[in-house]
Amino acid sequence: MITKNEQNEEVSNFEIFEKQKIYSERSVWGFSLFFTTLFGGILLMQNLKDIGKKKEANNILVLSILYSIISILIVNIPDNNNPSLSISLNVFGGLVLSKYYFPKYFPKKENFDKKSIWKPLIISLIVAVPFVFALFFA
């Protein structure tokens, strides 16, 4: 259907609607890498909630929580004190979220605008910084 905009120009109804904003695939991967898979999963969960897929959003949250718990258990095996293991597990978790689940639910990511990461970044830092201090000063 063709309508006229404020400047009296003909536009289709598809051009009238703004693109919905979601956190990018790269943001999901980055938060998974630099924080934990749980943080990347929360971004993907929020994307899914924003497009009305609440069941899928809850599934991603549960998956991210379980993966993070398993990662913590693996990293903290007493005889296996390897710092690079934690990073490797975060990279793998982030890749699963960003390269499997993200394209599964957002196959045409060009149909969405990118949402700013500043708010989740600040929240993530507020949550993570006390844990980092606890590790260094414990």
Foldseek 3Di string as FASTA:
>chain_A
DWDADPVRDIDDPVVVDDQAAAAALVNLLVCLQPFNNLLSLQRVLVRCVSVPNNVVSVVSNVVSVVLRVVQVVVCVPPVRPDVVSSNVSSNVSSCCCSVPVCCVVCVPCVSHHYDDCVVSVVVSCVVCVVVVVVVVVD
